[in-house]
Amino acid sequence: MEKTDTGWETIGRLHDWLHAHTKYPPEQEVLMRVLKLSEEVGEVAQAVIGAKGQNPRKGTTHTWQDVEAELCDVIITAMVALRTLTPEAAEVFASHLDRVASRSLEA
């Protein structure tokens, strides 16, 4: 049976590519990945504002598909940041997701 990419394999490749092109030492590389996450969240907010036409000067500048794409960027960026912090990112995430699901869905 063919192994499918759970996303973490691709995240690992993206992490390796970014790591190969960084100019920062490892402790600063983690900080830069977290800061990048903040930037991406801001882009989600900008897309929502644009989809709702909340800037009278600009009008409607984005679609809800733009919001979806920006949310995907947030997820990818967070996954890369977690992978930058630990090589066991997939296991850390799965364990945390199980804890959140247990306390939320079983309540």
N, C-alpha and C. Protein backbone atom coordinates (compact mmCIF):
# COMPACT_ATOMS: atom_id res chain seq x y z
N MET A 1 0.84 -1.18 0.00
CA MET A 1 0.00 0.00 0.00
C MET A 1 0.89 1.25 0.00
N GLU A 2 0.55 2.21 -0.80
CA GLU A 2 1.33 3.43 -0.93
C GLU A 2 1.12 4.35 0.27
N LYS A 3 2.23 4.85 0.80
CA LYS A 3 2.16 5.78 1.93
C LYS A 3 1.71 7.14 1.43
N THR A 4 0.77 7.75 2.15
CA THR A 4 0.30 9.08 1.78
C THR A 4 0.93 10.12 2.69
N ASP A 5 1.11 11.30 2.19
CA ASP A 5 1.68 12.40 2.95
C ASP A 5 0.61 12.96 3.87
N THR A 6 0.85 12.90 5.17
CA THR A 6 -0.10 13.43 6.15
C THR A 6 0.00 14.94 6.25
N GLY A 7 0.90 15.53 5.49
CA GLY A 7 1.16 16.95 5.59
C GLY A 7 2.48 17.19 6.29
N TRP A 8 2.80 16.36 7.27
CA TRP A 8 4.04 16.55 8.03
C TRP A 8 5.28 16.27 7.19
N GLU A 9 5.17 15.38 6.21
CA GLU A 9 6.32 15.14 5.33
C GLU A 9 6.62 16.41 4.52
N THR A 10 5.58 17.02 4.00
CA THR A 10 5.75 18.27 3.24
C THR A 10 6.24 19.37 4.15
N ILE A 11 5.72 19.44 5.36
CA ILE A 11 6.18 20.44 6.34
C ILE A 11 7.66 20.23 6.61
N GLY A 12 8.08 19.00 6.74
CA GLY A 12 9.50 18.71 6.95
C GLY A 12 10.35 19.21 5.80
N ARG A 13 9.87 19.02 4.59
CA ARG A 13 10.62 19.51 3.42
C ARG A 13 10.66 21.03 3.40
N LEU A 14 9.54 21.68 3.72
CA LEU A 14 9.52 23.14 3.79
C LEU A 14 10.46 23.65 4.88
N HIS A 15 10.43 23.00 6.04
CA HIS A 15 11.34 23.37 7.13
C HIS A 15 12.79 23.26 6.67
N ASP A 16 13.13 22.13 6.04
CA ASP A 16 14.52 21.92 5.60
C ASP A 16 14.93 22.98 4.59
N TRP A 17 14.03 23.33 3.68
CA TRP A 17 14.32 24.36 2.68
C TRP A 17 14.54 25.72 3.34
N LEU A 18 13.65 26.08 4.26
CA LEU A 18 13.80 27.35 4.97
C LEU A 18 15.09 27.36 5.81
N HIS A 19 15.36 26.25 6.49
CA HIS A 19 16.56 26.16 7.33
C HIS A 19 17.83 26.32 6.48
N ALA A 20 17.82 25.76 5.30
CA ALA A 20 18.99 25.87 4.41
C ALA A 20 19.22 27.29 3.93
N HIS A 21 18.19 28.12 3.98
CA HIS A 21 18.29 29.49 3.49
C HIS A 21 18.24 30.54 4.59
N THR A 22 18.35 30.12 5.84
CA THR A 22 18.29 31.10 6.93
C THR A 22 19.67 31.71 7.18
N LYS A 23 19.65 32.92 7.70
CA LYS A 23 20.90 33.57 8.08
C LYS A 23 21.01 33.70 9.59
N TYR A 24 20.07 33.07 10.30
CA TYR A 24 19.99 33.19 11.75
C TYR A 24 20.45 31.92 12.44
N PRO A 25 21.00 32.05 13.66
CA PRO A 25 21.30 30.85 14.45
C PRO A 25 19.99 30.18 14.87
N PRO A 26 20.04 28.91 15.28
CA PRO A 26 18.81 28.14 15.56
C PRO A 26 17.85 28.82 16.53
N GLU A 27 18.33 29.43 17.61
CA GLU A 27 17.41 30.05 18.57
C GLU A 27 16.68 31.24 17.96
N GLN A 28 17.33 31.96 17.06
CA GLN A 28 16.66 33.07 16.39
C GLN A 28 15.77 32.58 15.26
N GLU A 29 16.12 31.47 14.67
CA GLU A 29 15.29 30.90 13.61
C GLU A 29 13.89 30.57 14.15
N VAL A 30 13.82 30.01 15.35
CA VAL A 30 12.52 29.72 15.97
C VAL A 30 11.73 31.00 16.16
N LEU A 31 12.38 32.04 16.67
CA LEU A 31 11.69 33.31 16.88
C LEU A 31 11.17 33.89 15.57
N MET A 32 11.95 33.79 14.51
CA MET A 32 11.51 34.31 13.21
C MET A 32 10.30 33.55 12.69
N ARG A 33 10.25 32.24 12.93
CA ARG A 33 9.09 31.45 12.49
C ARG A 33 7.84 31.87 13.26
N VAL A 34 7.97 32.14 14.55
CA VAL A 34 6.82 32.58 15.35
C VAL A 34 6.37 33.96 14.90
N LEU A 35 7.31 34.85 14.64
CA LEU A 35 6.95 36.17 14.13
C LEU A 35 6.25 36.07 12.78
N LYS A 36 6.69 35.16 11.94
CA LYS A 36 6.05 34.95 10.64
C LYS A 36 4.59 34.54 10.83
N LEU A 37 4.32 33.76 11.86
CA LEU A 37 2.95 33.36 12.16
C LEU A 37 2.08 34.58 12.45
N SER A 38 2.61 35.53 13.20
CA SER A 38 1.86 36.76 13.49
C SER A 38 1.56 37.52 12.20
N GLU A 39 2.52 37.56 11.31
CA GLU A 39 2.30 38.22 10.02
C GLU A 39 1.16 37.56 9.25
N GLU A 40 1.17 36.24 9.23
CA GLU A 40 0.13 35.50 8.49
C GLU A 40 -1.25 35.71 9.10
N VAL A 41 -1.35 35.76 10.43
CA VAL A 41 -2.64 36.03 11.08
C VAL A 41 -3.14 37.41 10.68
N GLY A 42 -2.24 38.38 10.59
CA GLY A 42 -2.63 39.71 10.15
C GLY A 42 -3.19 39.70 8.73
N GLU A 43 -2.63 38.84 7.89
CA GLU A 43 -3.13 38.73 6.52
C GLU A 43 -4.53 38.13 6.48
N VAL A 44 -4.84 37.23 7.42
CA VAL A 44 -6.21 36.71 7.52
C VAL A 44 -7.16 37.86 7.87
N ALA A 45 -6.77 38.67 8.85
CA ALA A 45 -7.61 39.80 9.25
C ALA A 45 -7.81 40.75 8.08
N GLN A 46 -6.76 41.03 7.36
CA GLN A 46 -6.86 41.92 6.19
C GLN A 46 -7.82 41.34 5.16
N ALA A 47 -7.75 40.04 4.93
CA ALA A 47 -8.64 39.41 3.95
C ALA A 47 -10.10 39.45 4.40
N VAL A 48 -10.35 39.24 5.70
CA VAL A 48 -11.73 39.31 6.21
C VAL A 48 -12.26 40.72 6.05
N ILE A 49 -11.46 41.71 6.42
CA ILE A 49 -11.88 43.11 6.27
C ILE A 49 -12.16 43.41 4.80
N GLY A 50 -11.30 42.90 3.93
CA GLY A 50 -11.50 43.11 2.50
C GLY A 50 -12.72 42.39 1.96
N ALA A 51 -12.99 41.19 2.47
CA ALA A 51 -14.16 40.43 2.02
C ALA A 51 -15.46 41.08 2.49
N LYS A 52 -15.41 41.72 3.65
CA LYS A 52 -16.59 42.40 4.17
C LYS A 52 -16.72 43.83 3.66
N GLY A 53 -15.71 44.32 2.93
CA GLY A 53 -15.76 45.68 2.39
C GLY A 53 -15.74 46.73 3.48
N GLN A 54 -15.03 46.49 4.55
CA GLN A 54 -15.06 47.38 5.71
C GLN A 54 -14.20 48.63 5.58
N ASN A 55 -13.38 48.70 4.56
CA ASN A 55 -12.60 49.92 4.34
C ASN A 55 -13.31 50.73 3.26
N PRO A 56 -13.98 51.84 3.63
CA PRO A 56 -14.76 52.60 2.65
C PRO A 56 -13.91 53.14 1.50
N ARG A 57 -12.66 53.37 1.76
CA ARG A 57 -11.78 53.88 0.71
C ARG A 57 -11.46 52.80 -0.33
N LYS A 58 -11.38 51.54 0.12
CA LYS A 58 -10.99 50.46 -0.78
C LYS A 58 -12.16 49.62 -1.27
N GLY A 59 -13.23 49.54 -0.47
CA GLY A 59 -14.36 48.69 -0.85
C GLY A 59 -14.02 47.22 -0.64
N THR A 60 -14.69 46.36 -1.39
CA THR A 60 -14.47 44.93 -1.29
C THR A 60 -13.22 44.57 -2.09
N THR A 61 -12.21 44.10 -1.40
CA THR A 61 -10.92 43.82 -2.04
C THR A 61 -10.54 42.35 -2.02
N HIS A 62 -11.27 41.54 -1.24
CA HIS A 62 -10.95 40.12 -1.10
C HIS A 62 -12.22 39.29 -1.21
N THR A 63 -12.02 38.00 -1.42
CA THR A 63 -13.13 37.04 -1.43
C THR A 63 -12.98 36.12 -0.22
N TRP A 64 -14.02 35.34 0.04
CA TRP A 64 -13.92 34.36 1.13
C TRP A 64 -12.93 33.25 0.76
N GLN A 65 -12.70 33.05 -0.53
CA GLN A 65 -11.66 32.10 -0.93
C GLN A 65 -10.27 32.65 -0.55
N ASP A 66 -10.11 33.97 -0.61
CA ASP A 66 -8.85 34.58 -0.14
C ASP A 66 -8.67 34.32 1.36
N VAL A 67 -9.76 34.42 2.12
CA VAL A 67 -9.70 34.16 3.55
C VAL A 67 -9.30 32.71 3.78
N GLU A 68 -9.90 31.79 3.04
CA GLU A 68 -9.54 30.38 3.16
C GLU A 68 -8.05 30.17 2.91
N ALA A 69 -7.54 30.77 1.84
CA ALA A 69 -6.12 30.63 1.50
C ALA A 69 -5.22 31.19 2.61
N GLU A 70 -5.62 32.32 3.16
CA GLU A 70 -4.82 32.92 4.24
C GLU A 70 -4.85 32.06 5.49
N LEU A 71 -6.00 31.46 5.79
CA LEU A 71 -6.08 30.55 6.93
C LEU A 71 -5.18 29.33 6.71
N CYS A 72 -5.14 28.83 5.49
CA CYS A 72 -4.22 27.72 5.18
C CYS A 72 -2.78 28.15 5.40
N ASP A 73 -2.45 29.38 5.02
CA ASP A 73 -1.09 29.88 5.25
C ASP A 73 -0.76 29.93 6.74
N VAL A 74 -1.74 30.29 7.57
CA VAL A 74 -1.53 30.31 9.02
C VAL A 74 -1.23 28.90 9.52
N ILE A 75 -2.01 27.94 9.07
CA ILE A 75 -1.81 26.55 9.50
C ILE A 75 -0.43 26.05 9.09
N ILE A 76 -0.07 26.27 7.83
CA ILE A 76 1.23 25.83 7.33
C ILE A 76 2.36 26.50 8.12
N THR A 77 2.24 27.80 8.34
CA THR A 77 3.27 28.54 9.05
C THR A 77 3.40 28.05 10.49
N ALA A 78 2.28 27.75 11.14
CA ALA A 78 2.32 27.23 12.50
C ALA A 78 2.97 25.84 12.52
N MET A 79 2.66 25.02 11.54
CA MET A 79 3.26 23.69 11.48
C MET A 79 4.77 23.79 11.27
N VAL A 80 5.20 24.69 10.41
CA VAL A 80 6.64 24.88 10.18
C VAL A 80 7.30 25.42 11.45
N ALA A 81 6.64 26.33 12.15
CA ALA A 81 7.19 26.86 13.40
C ALA A 81 7.34 25.75 14.43
N LEU A 82 6.34 24.89 14.54
CA LEU A 82 6.42 23.77 15.48
C LEU A 82 7.53 22.82 15.08
N ARG A 83 7.66 22.55 13.78
CA ARG A 83 8.74 21.68 13.31
C ARG A 83 10.11 22.31 13.55
N THR A 84 10.20 23.63 13.48
CA THR A 84 11.45 24.32 13.76
C THR A 84 11.81 24.17 15.24
N LEU A 85 10.81 24.14 16.08
CA LEU A 85 11.02 24.00 17.52
C LEU A 85 11.41 22.58 17.90
N THR A 86 10.80 21.59 17.23
CA THR A 86 11.07 20.19 17.59
C THR A 86 10.96 19.28 16.37
N PRO A 87 11.90 18.34 16.23
CA PRO A 87 11.79 17.35 15.14
C PRO A 87 10.60 16.42 15.33
N GLU A 88 10.08 16.34 16.54
CA GLU A 88 8.92 15.48 16.84
C GLU A 88 7.61 16.24 16.72
N ALA A 89 7.54 17.21 15.81
CA ALA A 89 6.38 18.09 15.68
C ALA A 89 5.09 17.29 15.45
N ALA A 90 5.12 16.29 14.61
CA ALA A 90 3.90 15.52 14.32
C ALA A 90 3.38 14.85 15.58
N GLU A 91 4.27 14.26 16.36
CA GLU A 91 3.87 13.58 17.60
C GLU A 91 3.38 14.58 18.64
N VAL A 92 4.07 15.71 18.76
CA VAL A 92 3.67 16.75 19.71
C VAL A 92 2.28 17.25 19.37
N PHE A 93 2.04 17.50 18.07
CA PHE A 93 0.73 18.00 17.65
C PHE A 93 -0.36 16.95 17.90
N ALA A 94 -0.10 15.70 17.52
CA ALA A 94 -1.11 14.65 17.69
C ALA A 94 -1.47 14.48 19.17
N SER A 95 -0.48 14.51 20.03
CA SER A 95 -0.72 14.38 21.46
C SER A 95 -1.53 15.56 22.00
N HIS A 96 -1.17 16.75 21.56
CA HIS A 96 -1.91 17.94 22.02
C HIS A 96 -3.34 17.93 21.50
N LEU A 97 -3.51 17.55 20.25
CA LEU A 97 -4.86 17.47 19.67
C LEU A 97 -5.72 16.47 20.44
N ASP A 98 -5.13 15.34 20.80
CA ASP A 98 -5.87 14.35 21.59
C ASP A 98 -6.30 14.93 22.94
N ARG A 99 -5.40 15.68 23.61
CA ARG A 99 -5.75 16.29 24.90
C ARG A 99 -6.88 17.31 24.74
N VAL A 100 -6.79 18.14 23.71
CA VAL A 100 -7.83 19.15 23.49
C VAL A 100 -9.16 18.47 23.19
N ALA A 101 -9.13 17.46 22.33
CA ALA A 101 -10.36 16.75 21.98
C ALA A 101 -10.96 16.05 23.20
N SER A 102 -10.12 15.45 24.01
CA SER A 102 -10.61 14.76 25.20
C SER A 102 -11.31 15.71 26.15
N ARG A 103 -10.69 16.82 26.43
CA ARG A 103 -11.29 17.73 27.40
C ARG A 103 -12.49 18.49 26.82
N SER A 104 -12.53 18.65 25.51
CA SER A 104 -13.63 19.41 24.90
C SER A 104 -14.79 18.51 24.49
N LEU A 105 -14.50 17.42 23.84
CA LEU A 105 -15.56 16.59 23.27
C LEU A 105 -16.15 15.61 24.28
N GLU A 106 -15.40 15.31 25.32
CA GLU A 106 -15.91 14.37 26.31
C GLU A 106 -16.54 15.08 27.50
N ALA A 107 -16.55 16.41 27.44
CA ALA A 107 -17.13 17.18 28.56
C ALA A 107 -18.63 17.18 28.50
